[in-house]
Amino acid sequence: MSIRNKDKDTILAQSATIANTFWTRLVGLIGKRDLPFGTALIITRCQSIHMLFMRFPVDAVFVDRHHRVVSCVEAIRPFCLSPIFFRSRYVIELKVGTIRATKTSVGDQLEWLSPEDAESLGV
């Protein structure tokens, strides 16, 4: 599934994976060596992320139930925690530099290629 920023007409990710079980949400990208540009991990039911045991930093886009960006946190380093965003329903973890390259900002409207994909986020 692709993720597009409608307001900026940019693609955040051409290939996104959804972490929507207890285990996949807990593990996330732990154990991975890198997150290639153009790929993303979407973590459902998420208001904050941890970077414990991660090997690389990520950009994180926190999104509400209407698929609007609540916050953008650039380059969260390994062994750090993000702030808590109470309005967030899911987070999109991206390669560092993606937020800046796509000019994604608070309030931007995101969309998916198919409505079924957005429904699978459980928001």
N, C-alpha and C. Protein backbone atom coordinates (compact mmCIF):
# COMPACT_ATOMS: atom_id res chain seq x y z
N MET A 1 0.84 -1.18 0.00
CA MET A 1 0.00 0.00 0.00
C MET A 1 0.89 1.24 0.00
N SER A 2 0.45 2.24 -0.72
CA SER A 2 1.16 3.52 -0.77
C SER A 2 0.48 4.53 0.14
N ILE A 3 1.27 5.46 0.66
CA ILE A 3 0.75 6.53 1.51
C ILE A 3 1.07 7.85 0.82
N ARG A 4 0.04 8.66 0.60
CA ARG A 4 0.21 9.93 -0.10
C ARG A 4 -0.23 11.08 0.79
N ASN A 5 0.55 12.15 0.76
CA ASN A 5 0.18 13.39 1.42
C ASN A 5 -0.63 14.19 0.40
N LYS A 6 -1.95 14.26 0.59
CA LYS A 6 -2.83 14.95 -0.36
C LYS A 6 -2.52 16.44 -0.44
N ASP A 7 -2.24 17.05 0.71
CA ASP A 7 -2.03 18.50 0.73
C ASP A 7 -0.76 18.92 0.01
N LYS A 8 0.27 18.10 0.09
CA LYS A 8 1.54 18.45 -0.54
C LYS A 8 1.75 17.71 -1.86
N ASP A 9 0.83 16.79 -2.19
CA ASP A 9 0.91 15.96 -3.39
C ASP A 9 2.27 15.24 -3.47
N THR A 10 2.62 14.59 -2.36
CA THR A 10 3.87 13.82 -2.30
C THR A 10 3.57 12.42 -1.78
N ILE A 11 4.45 11.50 -2.09
CA ILE A 11 4.32 10.12 -1.62
C ILE A 11 5.25 9.93 -0.42
N LEU A 12 4.67 9.56 0.73
CA LEU A 12 5.49 9.27 1.91
C LEU A 12 6.12 7.89 1.80
N ALA A 13 5.35 6.93 1.29
CA ALA A 13 5.86 5.56 1.15
C ALA A 13 5.15 4.88 -0.01
N GLN A 14 5.92 4.14 -0.78
CA GLN A 14 5.34 3.35 -1.87
C GLN A 14 4.96 1.96 -1.38
N SER A 15 5.58 1.55 -0.28
CA SER A 15 5.32 0.23 0.28
C SER A 15 5.26 0.33 1.80
N ALA A 16 4.07 0.12 2.35
CA ALA A 16 3.90 0.21 3.80
C ALA A 16 3.36 -1.11 4.35
N THR A 17 3.86 -1.46 5.52
CA THR A 17 3.43 -2.66 6.24
C THR A 17 2.69 -2.21 7.49
N ILE A 18 1.65 -2.95 7.88
CA ILE A 18 0.87 -2.60 9.06
C ILE A 18 1.22 -3.54 10.21
N ALA A 19 1.54 -2.95 11.37
CA ALA A 19 1.75 -3.71 12.60
C ALA A 19 0.50 -3.49 13.45
N ASN A 20 -0.36 -4.52 13.53
CA ASN A 20 -1.63 -4.34 14.22
C ASN A 20 -1.94 -5.42 15.26
N THR A 21 -0.95 -6.26 15.57
CA THR A 21 -1.13 -7.22 16.66
C THR A 21 -0.23 -6.80 17.82
N PHE A 22 -0.49 -7.36 18.98
CA PHE A 22 0.34 -7.01 20.14
C PHE A 22 1.82 -7.21 19.82
N TRP A 23 2.16 -8.35 19.27
CA TRP A 23 3.57 -8.67 19.03
C TRP A 23 4.18 -7.79 17.95
N THR A 24 3.50 -7.61 16.81
CA THR A 24 4.08 -6.80 15.73
C THR A 24 4.19 -5.34 16.14
N ARG A 25 3.25 -4.86 16.96
CA ARG A 25 3.33 -3.49 17.45
C ARG A 25 4.48 -3.32 18.43
N LEU A 26 4.70 -4.31 19.29
CA LEU A 26 5.77 -4.24 20.28
C LEU A 26 7.14 -4.28 19.61
N VAL A 27 7.31 -5.19 18.68
CA VAL A 27 8.61 -5.39 18.03
C VAL A 27 8.90 -4.30 17.00
N GLY A 28 7.91 -3.95 16.19
CA GLY A 28 8.12 -2.91 15.18
C GLY A 28 9.30 -3.21 14.28
N LEU A 29 10.27 -2.31 14.27
CA LEU A 29 11.45 -2.45 13.40
C LEU A 29 12.67 -3.00 14.14
N ILE A 30 12.49 -3.44 15.38
CA ILE A 30 13.62 -4.01 16.14
C ILE A 30 14.16 -5.21 15.38
N GLY A 31 15.47 -5.27 15.26
CA GLY A 31 16.12 -6.37 14.56
C GLY A 31 16.42 -6.06 13.10
N LYS A 32 15.79 -5.03 12.57
CA LYS A 32 16.06 -4.63 11.18
C LYS A 32 17.34 -3.81 11.15
N ARG A 33 18.05 -3.88 10.06
CA ARG A 33 19.30 -3.12 9.90
C ARG A 33 19.07 -1.73 9.32
N ASP A 34 17.95 -1.57 8.60
CA ASP A 34 17.67 -0.30 7.95
C ASP A 34 16.22 -0.27 7.50
N LEU A 35 15.74 0.90 7.20
CA LEU A 35 14.41 1.08 6.62
C LEU A 35 14.64 1.79 5.30
N PRO A 36 14.51 1.08 4.19
CA PRO A 36 14.79 1.69 2.89
C PRO A 36 13.87 2.87 2.60
N PHE A 37 14.38 3.85 1.87
CA PHE A 37 13.58 5.00 1.47
C PHE A 37 12.40 4.50 0.63
N GLY A 38 11.22 5.03 0.90
CA GLY A 38 10.03 4.61 0.16
C GLY A 38 9.23 3.52 0.84
N THR A 39 9.75 3.01 1.98
CA THR A 39 9.02 2.00 2.74
C THR A 39 8.62 2.59 4.09
N ALA A 40 7.62 1.96 4.73
CA ALA A 40 7.14 2.47 6.01
C ALA A 40 6.57 1.33 6.84
N LEU A 41 6.54 1.56 8.14
CA LEU A 41 5.84 0.68 9.06
C LEU A 41 4.76 1.52 9.73
N ILE A 42 3.51 1.04 9.66
CA ILE A 42 2.39 1.72 10.30
C ILE A 42 2.06 0.93 11.56
N ILE A 43 2.10 1.59 12.71
CA ILE A 43 1.79 0.95 13.98
C ILE A 43 0.43 1.47 14.44
N THR A 44 -0.54 0.56 14.54
CA THR A 44 -1.90 0.96 14.92
C THR A 44 -2.01 1.18 16.42
N ARG A 45 -3.09 1.87 16.80
CA ARG A 45 -3.39 2.15 18.22
C ARG A 45 -2.15 2.66 18.93
N CYS A 46 -1.57 3.73 18.41
CA CYS A 46 -0.27 4.18 18.89
C CYS A 46 -0.25 5.69 19.11
N GLN A 47 0.13 6.09 20.32
CA GLN A 47 0.24 7.50 20.67
C GLN A 47 1.67 7.91 20.98
N SER A 48 2.57 6.94 21.02
CA SER A 48 3.98 7.18 21.33
C SER A 48 4.77 5.96 20.88
N ILE A 49 6.04 6.15 20.53
CA ILE A 49 6.87 5.01 20.17
C ILE A 49 8.14 4.98 21.01
N HIS A 50 8.69 3.79 21.16
CA HIS A 50 9.99 3.63 21.81
C HIS A 50 10.99 3.19 20.76
N MET A 51 12.22 3.53 20.99
CA MET A 51 13.30 3.14 20.06
C MET A 51 14.28 2.20 20.76
N LEU A 52 13.81 1.52 21.80
CA LEU A 52 14.67 0.61 22.54
C LEU A 52 15.15 -0.51 21.63
N PHE A 53 16.43 -0.77 21.66
CA PHE A 53 17.08 -1.85 20.91
C PHE A 53 17.07 -1.64 19.40
N MET A 54 16.74 -0.43 18.95
CA MET A 54 16.78 -0.12 17.52
C MET A 54 18.21 0.14 17.09
N ARG A 55 18.49 -0.09 15.82
CA ARG A 55 19.83 0.11 15.26
C ARG A 55 19.98 1.41 14.48
N PHE A 56 18.86 2.07 14.20
CA PHE A 56 18.90 3.26 13.35
C PHE A 56 17.77 4.21 13.75
N PRO A 57 17.92 5.50 13.46
CA PRO A 57 16.86 6.46 13.77
C PRO A 57 15.75 6.39 12.72
N VAL A 58 14.58 6.93 13.05
CA VAL A 58 13.45 6.99 12.11
C VAL A 58 12.76 8.34 12.21
N ASP A 59 12.06 8.70 11.15
CA ASP A 59 11.10 9.79 11.19
C ASP A 59 9.77 9.18 11.58
N ALA A 60 8.98 9.87 12.39
CA ALA A 60 7.68 9.36 12.81
C ALA A 60 6.60 10.40 12.55
N VAL A 61 5.54 9.96 11.87
CA VAL A 61 4.40 10.82 11.59
C VAL A 61 3.21 10.25 12.37
N PHE A 62 2.71 11.02 13.33
CA PHE A 62 1.58 10.61 14.16
C PHE A 62 0.30 11.14 13.51
N VAL A 63 -0.71 10.24 13.39
CA VAL A 63 -1.89 10.55 12.59
C VAL A 63 -3.16 10.25 13.39
N ASP A 64 -4.20 11.09 13.21
CA ASP A 64 -5.46 10.89 13.92
C ASP A 64 -6.41 9.97 13.14
N ARG A 65 -7.60 9.77 13.67
CA ARG A 65 -8.54 8.83 13.06
C ARG A 65 -9.10 9.31 11.73
N HIS A 66 -8.91 10.59 11.43
CA HIS A 66 -9.35 11.14 10.15
C HIS A 66 -8.20 11.20 9.14
N HIS A 67 -7.10 10.58 9.50
CA HIS A 67 -5.89 10.51 8.65
C HIS A 67 -5.25 11.89 8.46
N ARG A 68 -5.36 12.73 9.48
CA ARG A 68 -4.68 14.02 9.50
C ARG A 68 -3.46 13.92 10.39
N VAL A 69 -2.39 14.56 9.97
CA VAL A 69 -1.14 14.53 10.73
C VAL A 69 -1.30 15.34 12.02
N VAL A 70 -1.02 14.68 13.15
CA VAL A 70 -1.08 15.30 14.47
C VAL A 70 0.28 15.89 14.84
N SER A 71 1.35 15.16 14.49
CA SER A 71 2.70 15.62 14.78
C SER A 71 3.70 14.90 13.88
N CYS A 72 4.82 15.55 13.66
CA CYS A 72 5.94 14.97 12.92
C CYS A 72 7.17 15.05 13.81
N VAL A 73 7.82 13.92 14.02
CA VAL A 73 9.04 13.90 14.84
C VAL A 73 10.15 13.36 13.95
N GLU A 74 11.12 14.19 13.68
CA GLU A 74 12.21 13.81 12.78
C GLU A 74 13.37 13.17 13.54
N ALA A 75 13.92 12.14 12.94
CA ALA A 75 15.16 11.50 13.39
C ALA A 75 15.16 11.12 14.87
N ILE A 76 14.18 10.32 15.28
CA ILE A 76 14.18 9.80 16.65
C ILE A 76 15.29 8.76 16.73
N ARG A 77 16.22 8.98 17.66
CA ARG A 77 17.41 8.12 17.77
C ARG A 77 17.13 6.83 18.53
N PRO A 78 17.96 5.82 18.28
CA PRO A 78 17.85 4.57 19.05
C PRO A 78 17.93 4.85 20.56
N PHE A 79 17.18 4.06 21.32
CA PHE A 79 17.11 4.12 22.78
C PHE A 79 16.49 5.41 23.31
N CYS A 80 15.67 6.06 22.48
CA CYS A 80 14.92 7.25 22.90
C CYS A 80 13.43 6.95 22.82
N LEU A 81 12.63 7.81 23.43
CA LEU A 81 11.17 7.71 23.38
C LEU A 81 10.63 8.95 22.69
N SER A 82 9.53 8.78 21.99
CA SER A 82 8.88 9.95 21.40
C SER A 82 7.98 10.58 22.46
N PRO A 83 7.58 11.82 22.24
CA PRO A 83 6.54 12.40 23.10
C PRO A 83 5.24 11.61 22.91
N ILE A 84 4.27 11.84 23.79
CA ILE A 84 2.96 11.21 23.67
C ILE A 84 2.03 12.20 22.97
N PHE A 85 1.30 11.71 21.97
CA PHE A 85 0.34 12.52 21.23
C PHE A 85 -1.03 11.88 21.42
N PHE A 86 -1.82 12.42 22.34
CA PHE A 86 -3.07 11.79 22.73
C PHE A 86 -4.10 11.69 21.61
N ARG A 87 -4.05 12.55 20.63
CA ARG A 87 -5.00 12.49 19.51
C ARG A 87 -4.58 11.49 18.44
N SER A 88 -3.37 10.96 18.54
CA SER A 88 -2.86 10.03 17.53
C SER A 88 -3.56 8.67 17.63
N ARG A 89 -3.88 8.10 16.48
CA ARG A 89 -4.46 6.76 16.42
C ARG A 89 -3.47 5.75 15.84
N TYR A 90 -2.53 6.26 15.05
CA TYR A 90 -1.47 5.40 14.52
C TYR A 90 -0.26 6.26 14.16
N VAL A 91 0.86 5.58 14.01
CA VAL A 91 2.10 6.27 13.65
C VAL A 91 2.68 5.61 12.41
N ILE A 92 3.30 6.42 11.58
CA ILE A 92 3.98 5.92 10.40
C ILE A 92 5.47 6.14 10.62
N GLU A 93 6.24 5.04 10.68
CA GLU A 93 7.69 5.13 10.82
C GLU A 93 8.31 5.09 9.44
N LEU A 94 9.20 6.07 9.19
CA LEU A 94 9.79 6.26 7.87
C LEU A 94 11.29 6.45 7.95
N LYS A 95 11.95 6.30 6.84
CA LYS A 95 13.40 6.58 6.75
C LYS A 95 13.64 8.04 7.13
N VAL A 96 14.70 8.29 7.87
CA VAL A 96 15.06 9.65 8.24
C VAL A 96 15.22 10.49 6.97
N GLY A 97 14.64 11.67 7.01
CA GLY A 97 14.69 12.57 5.86
C GLY A 97 13.40 12.60 5.06
N THR A 98 12.51 11.63 5.31
CA THR A 98 11.27 11.56 4.55
C THR A 98 10.34 12.72 4.87
N ILE A 99 10.23 13.07 6.15
CA ILE A 99 9.36 14.19 6.53
C ILE A 99 9.81 15.47 5.83
N ARG A 100 11.08 15.72 5.86
CA ARG A 100 11.62 16.93 5.22
C ARG A 100 11.46 16.87 3.70
N ALA A 101 11.78 15.71 3.11
CA ALA A 101 11.70 15.58 1.65
C ALA A 101 10.28 15.74 1.12
N THR A 102 9.29 15.28 1.89
CA THR A 102 7.90 15.37 1.45
C THR A 102 7.19 16.61 1.97
N LYS A 103 7.90 17.40 2.79
CA LYS A 103 7.35 18.62 3.38
C LYS A 103 6.08 18.36 4.20
N THR A 104 6.01 17.17 4.79
CA THR A 104 4.85 16.80 5.60
C THR A 104 4.83 17.63 6.88
N SER A 105 3.64 18.13 7.24
CA SER A 105 3.53 18.96 8.44
C SER A 105 2.18 18.71 9.13
N VAL A 106 2.06 19.23 10.34
CA VAL A 106 0.84 19.06 11.13
C VAL A 106 -0.35 19.61 10.35
N GLY A 107 -1.43 18.81 10.35
CA GLY A 107 -2.65 19.20 9.66
C GLY A 107 -2.80 18.63 8.26
N ASP A 108 -1.72 18.10 7.70
CA ASP A 108 -1.79 17.53 6.35
C ASP A 108 -2.72 16.32 6.34
N GLN A 109 -3.43 16.15 5.24
CA GLN A 109 -4.34 15.02 5.04
C GLN A 109 -3.60 13.92 4.28
N LEU A 110 -3.63 12.70 4.84
CA LEU A 110 -2.99 11.56 4.19
C LEU A 110 -4.06 10.68 3.55
N GLU A 111 -3.65 9.91 2.54
CA GLU A 111 -4.57 8.97 1.90
C GLU A 111 -3.82 7.72 1.45
N TRP A 112 -4.61 6.64 1.26
CA TRP A 112 -4.09 5.35 0.81
C TRP A 112 -4.66 5.05 -0.56
N LEU A 113 -4.03 4.13 -1.26
CA LEU A 113 -4.50 3.79 -2.60
C LEU A 113 -5.88 3.15 -2.59
N SER A 114 -6.19 2.40 -1.55
CA SER A 114 -7.51 1.76 -1.50
C SER A 114 -8.14 1.98 -0.14
N PRO A 115 -9.44 2.19 -0.07
CA PRO A 115 -10.13 2.40 1.21
C PRO A 115 -9.97 1.21 2.16
N GLU A 116 -9.87 0.00 1.61
CA GLU A 116 -9.71 -1.18 2.47
C GLU A 116 -8.44 -1.08 3.31
N ASP A 117 -7.39 -0.51 2.73
CA ASP A 117 -6.14 -0.36 3.46
C ASP A 117 -6.33 0.54 4.67
N ALA A 118 -6.99 1.66 4.50
CA ALA A 118 -7.24 2.58 5.61
C ALA A 118 -8.12 1.93 6.66
N GLU A 119 -9.12 1.15 6.23
CA GLU A 119 -10.00 0.47 7.18
C GLU A 119 -9.23 -0.55 8.01
N SER A 120 -8.21 -1.16 7.44
CA SER A 120 -7.45 -2.17 8.17
C SER A 120 -6.65 -1.56 9.31
N LEU A 121 -6.53 -0.23 9.35
CA LEU A 121 -5.82 0.42 10.44
C LEU A 121 -6.62 0.42 11.73
N GLY A 122 -7.91 0.15 11.62
CA GLY A 122 -8.74 0.05 12.80
C GLY A 122 -9.06 1.39 13.44
N VAL A 123 -9.11 2.45 12.64
CA VAL A 123 -9.42 3.76 13.20
C VAL A 123 -10.78 4.23 12.74
